[in-house]
Protein backbone atom coordinates (compact mmCIF):
# COMPACT_ATOMS: atom_id res chain seq x y z
CA UNK A 1 145.57 128.42 111.64
CA UNK A 2 147.30 131.05 113.79
CA UNK A 3 146.02 134.63 113.53
CA UNK A 4 147.68 137.68 115.09
CA UNK A 5 145.40 140.70 115.36
CA UNK A 6 147.06 144.11 115.53
CA UNK A 7 145.38 147.32 116.67
CA UNK A 8 146.67 150.90 116.78
CA UNK A 9 145.65 151.61 120.36
CA UNK A 10 144.80 149.92 123.63
CA UNK A 11 142.44 147.01 123.10
CA UNK A 12 140.80 147.54 126.52
CA UNK A 13 139.21 150.76 125.25
CA UNK A 14 135.55 150.54 124.33
CA UNK A 15 135.45 152.33 121.00
CA UNK A 16 133.97 150.81 117.87
CA UNK A 17 137.30 149.75 116.38
CA UNK A 18 138.29 147.99 119.60
CA UNK A 19 134.96 146.18 119.74
CA UNK A 20 135.47 145.11 116.13
CA UNK A 21 138.91 143.66 116.82
CA UNK A 22 137.65 141.69 119.80
CA UNK A 23 134.63 140.43 117.83
CA UNK A 24 136.82 139.20 114.99
CA UNK A 25 139.30 137.66 117.40
CA UNK A 26 136.51 135.86 119.27
CA UNK A 27 135.11 134.66 115.95
CA UNK A 28 138.47 133.16 115.02
CA UNK A 29 138.65 131.42 118.41
CA UNK A 30 135.15 130.03 117.84
CA UNK A 31 136.33 128.61 114.52
CA UNK A 32 139.14 126.78 116.30
CA UNK A 33 142.08 129.03 115.42
CA UNK A 34 144.91 130.12 117.71
CA UNK A 35 144.61 133.86 118.28
CA UNK A 36 146.92 136.56 119.59
CA UNK A 37 146.51 140.34 119.86
CA UNK A 38 149.17 143.06 119.54
CA UNK A 39 148.28 146.58 120.65
CA UNK A 40 150.07 149.93 120.57
CA UNK A 41 150.12 151.19 124.15
CA UNK A 42 151.89 153.91 126.19
CA UNK A 43 154.45 151.65 127.81
CA UNK A 44 158.21 151.56 127.41
CA UNK A 45 158.86 147.82 127.25
CA UNK A 46 157.43 144.89 125.39
CA UNK A 47 155.01 143.06 127.62
CA UNK A 48 152.55 140.20 127.42
CA UNK A 49 149.48 139.50 129.46
CA UNK A 50 146.46 137.23 129.20
CA UNK A 51 143.10 138.54 128.07
CA UNK A 52 139.94 137.02 126.60
CA UNK A 53 140.61 133.76 128.38
CA UNK A 54 143.80 132.27 127.02
CA UNK A 55 144.35 134.75 124.18
CA UNK A 56 147.79 136.36 124.61
CA UNK A 57 147.98 140.15 124.28
CA UNK A 58 151.29 141.89 123.55
CA UNK A 59 151.86 145.63 123.81
CA UNK A 60 154.51 147.68 122.07
CA UNK A 61 154.98 151.40 122.73
CA UNK A 62 153.81 154.31 120.64
CA UNK A 63 156.39 155.55 118.16
CA UNK A 64 156.90 158.46 115.79
CA UNK A 65 157.58 158.09 112.08
CA UNK A 66 161.35 158.11 111.42
CA UNK A 67 162.70 161.43 110.14
CA UNK A 68 165.83 161.76 108.02
CA UNK A 69 167.83 163.96 110.39
CA UNK A 70 166.42 162.70 113.69
CA UNK A 71 168.47 159.68 114.68
CA UNK A 72 166.33 158.87 117.71
CA UNK A 73 163.25 158.33 115.56
CA UNK A 74 165.10 155.66 113.60
CA UNK A 75 166.15 153.96 116.82
CA UNK A 76 162.51 153.98 117.96
CA UNK A 77 161.40 152.60 114.61
CA UNK A 78 164.01 149.83 114.67
CA UNK A 79 163.04 148.91 118.21
CA UNK A 80 159.36 148.64 117.32
CA UNK A 81 160.16 146.44 114.30
CA UNK A 82 162.29 144.14 116.46
CA UNK A 83 159.53 143.99 119.08
CA UNK A 84 157.01 143.04 116.42
CA UNK A 85 159.44 140.42 115.15
CA UNK A 86 159.76 139.06 118.68
CA UNK A 87 155.97 138.64 118.85
CA UNK A 88 155.99 136.93 115.44
CA UNK A 89 158.78 134.54 116.47
CA UNK A 90 156.91 133.59 119.62
CA UNK A 91 153.40 133.33 118.18
CA UNK A 92 154.30 132.14 114.63
CA UNK A 93 151.18 133.53 112.88
CA UNK A 94 149.89 132.39 109.52
CA UNK A 95 147.86 135.59 109.20
CA UNK A 96 148.60 139.07 110.55
CA UNK A 97 145.32 141.02 110.70
CA UNK A 98 145.94 144.77 111.05
CA UNK A 99 142.91 146.77 112.20
CA UNK A 100 142.55 150.55 112.07
CA UNK A 101 145.92 151.05 110.32
CA UNK A 102 147.77 153.93 111.92
CA UNK A 103 150.98 153.77 113.94
CA UNK A 104 151.15 149.98 113.84
CA UNK A 105 151.70 150.34 110.10
CA UNK A 106 155.35 151.18 110.82
CA UNK A 107 156.55 147.99 112.55
CA UNK A 108 154.50 145.75 110.24
CA UNK A 109 155.96 147.40 107.13
CA UNK A 110 159.43 147.17 108.64
CA UNK A 111 158.93 143.46 109.25
CA UNK A 112 158.57 142.88 105.50
CA UNK A 113 162.34 143.32 105.21
CA UNK A 114 162.75 140.12 107.25
CA UNK A 115 161.97 136.65 105.91
CA UNK A 116 158.37 135.86 106.79
CA UNK A 117 155.63 133.36 105.99
CA UNK A 118 152.56 135.19 107.28
CA UNK A 119 149.96 136.85 105.07
CA UNK A 120 148.63 140.34 105.70
CA UNK A 121 144.97 141.38 106.02
CA UNK A 122 144.10 145.02 106.75
CA UNK A 123 140.65 146.10 107.99
CA UNK A 124 139.58 149.74 107.63
CA UNK A 125 137.12 151.13 110.18
CA UNK A 126 136.49 154.80 109.41
CA UNK A 127 138.59 157.69 110.64
CA UNK A 128 141.75 155.71 109.86
CA UNK A 129 140.98 156.57 106.23
CA UNK A 130 138.71 159.61 106.53
CA UNK A 131 140.83 161.68 108.92
CA UNK A 132 144.25 160.24 109.71
CA UNK A 133 145.83 160.59 106.24
CA UNK A 134 144.85 164.27 106.24
CA UNK A 135 145.63 165.12 109.84
CA UNK A 136 148.87 163.11 110.08
CA UNK A 137 150.72 163.12 106.74
CA UNK A 138 153.61 161.10 108.18
CA UNK A 139 151.23 158.28 109.01
CA UNK A 140 149.73 158.37 105.53
CA UNK A 141 153.00 157.43 103.82
CA UNK A 142 153.36 154.37 106.05
CA UNK A 143 149.69 153.53 105.71
CA UNK A 144 150.15 153.54 101.94
CA UNK A 145 153.11 151.17 102.23
CA UNK A 146 151.12 148.86 104.49
CA UNK A 147 148.12 148.76 102.16
CA UNK A 148 150.35 148.07 99.14
CA UNK A 149 151.81 145.06 100.92
CA UNK A 150 148.44 143.76 102.11
CA UNK A 151 147.15 140.55 100.56
CA UNK A 152 143.59 141.65 101.27
CA UNK A 153 142.01 144.92 102.40
CA UNK A 154 138.58 144.90 104.04
CA UNK A 155 136.31 147.85 104.76
CA UNK A 156 133.38 147.75 107.18
CA UNK A 157 131.08 149.63 104.78
CA UNK A 158 130.72 150.31 101.06
CA UNK A 159 131.03 154.05 101.54
CA UNK A 160 134.29 153.57 103.41
CA UNK A 161 135.69 151.29 100.72
CA UNK A 162 134.83 153.86 98.06
CA UNK A 163 136.59 156.56 100.06
CA UNK A 164 139.65 154.37 100.59
CA UNK A 165 139.80 153.41 96.91
CA UNK A 166 139.66 157.06 95.87
CA UNK A 167 142.57 157.77 98.19
CA UNK A 168 144.52 154.62 97.25
CA UNK A 169 143.37 153.45 93.77
CA UNK A 170 145.52 150.31 93.92
CA UNK A 171 143.10 148.88 96.51
CA UNK A 172 140.35 148.23 93.98
CA UNK A 173 141.69 144.84 92.90
CA UNK A 174 142.24 143.39 96.37
CA UNK A 175 139.49 144.78 98.59
CA UNK A 176 136.00 143.89 99.73
CA UNK A 177 133.34 144.92 102.24
CA UNK A 178 132.62 142.85 105.35
CA UNK A 179 130.22 144.69 107.69
CA UNK A 180 130.51 144.46 111.45
CA UNK A 181 128.37 141.82 113.12
CA UNK A 182 126.78 141.38 116.54
CA UNK A 183 127.02 138.42 118.88
CA UNK A 184 123.80 136.41 119.54
CA UNK A 185 123.29 137.83 123.05
CA UNK A 186 122.38 141.22 121.58
CA UNK A 187 119.22 139.67 120.12
CA UNK A 188 118.08 137.92 123.30
CA UNK A 189 114.89 139.14 124.93
CA UNK A 190 115.38 140.54 128.39
CA UNK A 191 113.63 142.74 130.91
CA UNK A 192 116.60 144.62 132.37
CA UNK A 193 115.77 147.94 133.98
CA UNK A 194 117.78 151.07 133.21
CA UNK A 195 119.81 152.82 135.90
CA UNK A 196 117.81 154.96 138.29
CA UNK A 197 116.99 158.35 136.87
CA UNK A 198 114.43 159.76 134.49
CA UNK A 199 111.63 157.34 133.69
CA UNK A 200 111.82 158.45 130.04
CA UNK A 201 114.97 159.38 128.18
CA UNK A 202 116.56 159.81 124.77
CA UNK A 203 119.95 158.14 124.39
CA UNK A 204 123.30 158.87 122.75
CA UNK A 205 126.12 156.31 122.97
CA UNK A 206 129.67 156.95 121.77
CA UNK A 207 132.81 159.00 122.16
CA UNK A 208 132.45 162.62 123.20
CA UNK A 209 134.42 163.87 120.23
CA UNK A 210 133.68 166.54 117.66
CA UNK A 211 133.39 163.99 114.86
CA UNK A 212 130.45 162.40 116.70
CA UNK A 213 128.41 165.61 116.53
CA UNK A 214 127.19 165.65 120.15
CA UNK A 215 127.24 169.45 120.07
CA UNK A 216 124.64 169.27 117.28
CA UNK A 217 122.50 166.97 119.41
CA UNK A 218 122.61 169.37 122.36
CA UNK A 219 121.55 172.24 120.12
CA UNK A 220 118.72 170.14 118.70
CA UNK A 221 117.62 169.19 122.21
CA UNK A 222 117.52 172.88 123.21
CA UNK A 223 115.28 173.67 120.22
CA UNK A 224 112.69 171.13 121.28
CA UNK A 225 112.16 172.83 124.64
CA UNK A 226 109.32 171.02 126.42
CA UNK A 227 108.24 168.88 123.47
CA UNK A 228 110.54 165.99 124.41
CA UNK A 229 109.85 163.77 127.42
CA UNK A 230 112.32 163.18 130.21
CA UNK A 231 116.04 163.72 129.74
CA UNK A 232 118.84 163.33 127.22
CA UNK A 233 121.33 160.70 128.38
CA UNK A 234 124.86 160.74 126.97
CA UNK A 235 126.80 157.48 127.52
CA UNK A 236 130.49 157.86 126.74
CA UNK A 237 133.63 159.81 127.46
CA UNK A 238 136.13 161.75 125.42
CA UNK A 239 138.06 164.97 124.85
CA UNK A 240 134.94 167.11 124.37
CA UNK A 241 133.36 166.29 127.75
CA UNK A 242 134.04 169.65 129.42
CA UNK A 243 133.14 171.64 126.31
CA UNK A 244 129.84 169.76 125.98
CA UNK A 245 129.01 170.24 129.65
CA UNK A 246 129.65 173.97 129.23
CA UNK A 247 127.51 174.02 126.07
CA UNK A 248 124.62 172.39 127.93
CA UNK A 249 124.86 175.11 130.57
CA UNK A 250 124.99 177.91 128.00
CA UNK A 251 121.95 176.46 126.19
CA UNK A 252 120.11 176.27 129.55
CA UNK A 253 119.43 172.56 129.23
CA UNK A 254 121.93 171.22 131.80
CA UNK A 255 119.10 170.16 134.10
CA UNK A 256 117.74 167.87 131.36
CA UNK A 257 121.04 166.32 130.22
CA UNK A 258 122.85 163.51 132.02
CA UNK A 259 126.47 162.64 131.25
CA UNK A 260 126.66 158.95 132.21
CA UNK A 261 130.36 158.44 131.46
CA UNK A 262 131.82 155.35 129.85
CA UNK A 263 129.76 152.20 130.37
CA UNK A 264 130.57 148.56 129.78
CA UNK A 265 128.84 147.32 126.64
CA UNK A 266 126.90 144.66 128.52
CA UNK A 267 125.24 147.47 130.51
CA UNK A 268 124.14 149.22 127.35
CA UNK A 269 121.49 146.66 126.44
CA UNK A 270 119.17 147.84 129.21
CA UNK A 271 119.63 151.43 128.08
CA UNK A 272 118.85 150.57 124.46
CA UNK A 273 115.76 148.55 125.34
CA UNK A 274 114.24 151.21 127.58
CA UNK A 275 114.99 154.39 125.65
CA UNK A 276 112.52 156.42 123.62
CA UNK A 277 115.04 156.27 120.76
CA UNK A 278 118.76 156.54 120.05
CA UNK A 279 120.34 159.51 118.27
CA UNK A 280 123.59 159.33 116.27
CA UNK A 281 124.45 162.87 115.11
CA UNK A 282 127.85 161.92 113.63
CA UNK A 283 129.74 164.08 111.17
CA UNK A 284 131.57 160.97 109.94
CA UNK A 285 131.22 157.20 110.41
CA UNK A 286 132.63 153.96 109.05
CA UNK A 287 129.91 151.64 110.32
CA UNK A 288 128.70 152.46 113.80
CA UNK A 289 128.33 149.62 116.28
CA UNK A 290 125.68 151.71 118.02
CA UNK A 291 123.30 151.47 115.06
CA UNK A 292 123.69 147.67 115.16
CA UNK A 293 123.38 147.30 118.93
CA UNK A 294 120.41 149.64 119.20
CA UNK A 295 118.58 147.96 116.32
CA UNK A 296 119.21 144.49 117.75
CA UNK A 297 117.71 145.62 121.04
CA UNK A 298 114.63 147.02 119.32
CA UNK A 299 115.54 150.71 119.64
CA UNK A 300 114.71 153.22 116.93
CA UNK A 301 117.71 155.18 115.62
CA UNK A 302 117.78 158.72 114.28
CA UNK A 303 121.12 159.08 112.48
CA UNK A 304 122.79 161.52 110.14
CA UNK A 305 123.26 160.43 106.52
CA UNK A 306 126.96 159.61 106.77
CA UNK A 307 129.02 156.52 106.02
CA UNK A 308 127.71 153.14 107.02
CA UNK A 309 124.65 154.52 108.84
CA UNK A 310 122.95 154.81 105.44
CA UNK A 311 123.71 151.13 104.83
CA UNK A 312 122.26 150.00 108.17
CA UNK A 313 119.16 152.16 108.59
CA UNK A 314 116.29 151.98 106.12
CA UNK A 315 114.73 155.44 106.26
CA UNK A 316 111.22 155.44 107.71
CA UNK A 317 111.25 151.64 107.91
CA UNK A 318 113.85 150.77 110.58
CA UNK A 319 114.71 154.31 111.69
CA UNK A 320 115.19 157.84 110.41
CA UNK A 321 118.04 159.43 108.45
CA UNK A 322 118.58 163.19 108.60
CA UNK A 323 120.94 165.74 107.11
CA UNK A 324 124.30 166.17 108.82
CA UNK A 325 125.50 169.39 110.47
CA UNK A 326 121.89 170.40 111.11
CA UNK A 327 120.43 170.63 114.63
CA UNK A 328 117.12 171.51 112.97
CA UNK A 329 117.10 168.25 110.99
CA UNK A 330 117.95 166.27 114.12
CA UNK A 331 115.13 167.97 116.02
CA UNK A 332 112.64 167.16 113.25
CA UNK A 333 113.80 163.54 113.18
CA UNK A 334 113.39 163.19 116.94
CA UNK A 335 109.89 164.66 116.80
CA UNK A 336 108.92 162.22 114.05
CA UNK A 337 110.10 159.29 116.15
CA UNK A 338 108.32 160.61 119.24
CA UNK A 339 105.03 161.01 117.38
CA UNK A 340 104.89 157.49 115.97
CA UNK A 341 101.67 155.68 116.83
CA UNK A 342 102.27 152.60 119.03
CA UNK A 343 101.47 150.10 116.22
CA UNK A 344 103.84 151.90 113.82
CA UNK A 345 106.51 152.08 116.52
CA UNK A 346 106.26 148.34 117.15
CA UNK A 347 106.52 147.59 113.43
CA UNK A 348 109.62 149.77 113.10
CA UNK A 349 111.31 148.16 116.11
CA UNK A 350 110.58 144.68 114.74
CA UNK A 351 111.91 145.66 111.29
CA UNK A 352 115.08 147.08 112.86
CA UNK A 353 115.73 143.86 114.79
CA UNK A 354 115.16 141.71 111.74
CA UNK A 355 117.42 143.80 109.52
CA UNK A 356 120.30 143.60 112.00
CA UNK A 357 119.74 139.88 112.56
CA UNK A 358 119.64 139.12 108.83
CA UNK A 359 122.52 141.29 107.62
CA UNK A 360 124.79 142.13 110.57
CA UNK A 361 125.19 138.98 112.64
CA UNK A 362 128.46 137.89 114.20
CA UNK A 363 128.16 134.51 112.46
CA UNK A 364 127.89 136.17 109.06
CA UNK A 365 130.93 138.35 109.73
CA UNK A 366 132.91 135.42 111.15
CA UNK A 367 132.24 133.20 108.15
CA UNK A 368 133.30 135.84 105.67
CA UNK A 369 136.56 136.53 107.50
CA UNK A 370 137.14 132.81 107.76
CA UNK A 371 136.91 132.56 103.97
CA UNK A 372 139.45 135.37 103.57
CA UNK A 373 141.92 133.86 106.04
CA UNK A 374 141.69 130.35 104.61
CA UNK A 375 142.01 131.52 101.00
CA UNK A 376 145.12 133.55 101.81
CA UNK A 377 146.84 130.85 103.81
CA UNK A 378 147.45 128.96 100.58
CA UNK A 379 148.63 131.85 98.42
CA UNK A 380 151.91 131.37 96.59
CA UNK A 381 155.02 133.50 97.07
CA UNK A 382 154.81 134.62 93.42
CA UNK A 383 151.37 136.09 94.04
CA UNK A 384 152.68 137.85 97.12
CA UNK A 385 155.62 139.31 95.23
CA UNK A 386 153.30 140.66 92.56
CA UNK A 387 151.40 142.69 95.17
CA UNK A 388 154.49 144.15 96.87
CA UNK A 389 155.96 146.13 94.00
CA UNK A 390 157.84 149.29 94.59
CA UNK A 391 155.73 152.06 96.22
């Protein structure tokens, strides 16, 4: 089978959606399938390069939704469709797997006006449903068209699928939940040492973006004063970096906060294993890779009760769940984790590892996607036509 993965951004980024695409692509390779990746990138010409060994990666440029009286937008749209068609002609996919459906919805929908044999799978990750349709109405109309034409729609968490189905009720009959899954190396025992710095630290990993709630974490950290050991380490980058640095200064905690910048995921394992605990103060989540990675490494998570975090963390058994938008709740959660007796802490870490291993493994995710791909590869044209009725 030949599977073309499409992502609405640059696949070299290290966000959760990008990690998910690469994990699914690697799973398909492991199962013996030919895999290609198409990304939306800020370049002007169609290009191809090699990544992930021999997996080809194509890039097509960003584009705006065509507007009735703006001729250039239609030219851009037509060009992107033709570029997508060029990738399809070269790679000849059986399955097109669209991840995080945003701007790449346009060329894929446009390609349906050409004869084609490939089947369409769309995977929803989080803000592609929770934020994009509201913030970018022009994208929503194309996202709707894409989802109508999809043979199968997959969400990474039950809460996300419910949200998507409320927004697009026609999804209910052709959707399912397949959680993210970690590769075996995340569960391996190791004795890596963290980077030089504070001997004790509390860790946040993720984008520095308002939706991630790092401002709430800084406010919670300031409330704890001298009750917390060591420093707060923030691993990640994003548009809120300067604002968060300024907030740390204004809260008079800058001397106890380290901004580590963006780190390669293989370097995160040492941070997870050596931290006091991990905090995820998100305002919104699909299913955070950080909750999975931290749990697999035996780190306790304190997370807000949003999205897939509630489906990963068992409150007071594998971690702690707290109210969102509340620095006070975050502070109380951190104090509870800090005050765990060593035997209770060890039990919680073991339970977290076992839960991730049992329910969120890469093999489990790979097998479920394999079933979807194989079942669709044999679908009849009449079934496809039934699902592509007029919008």
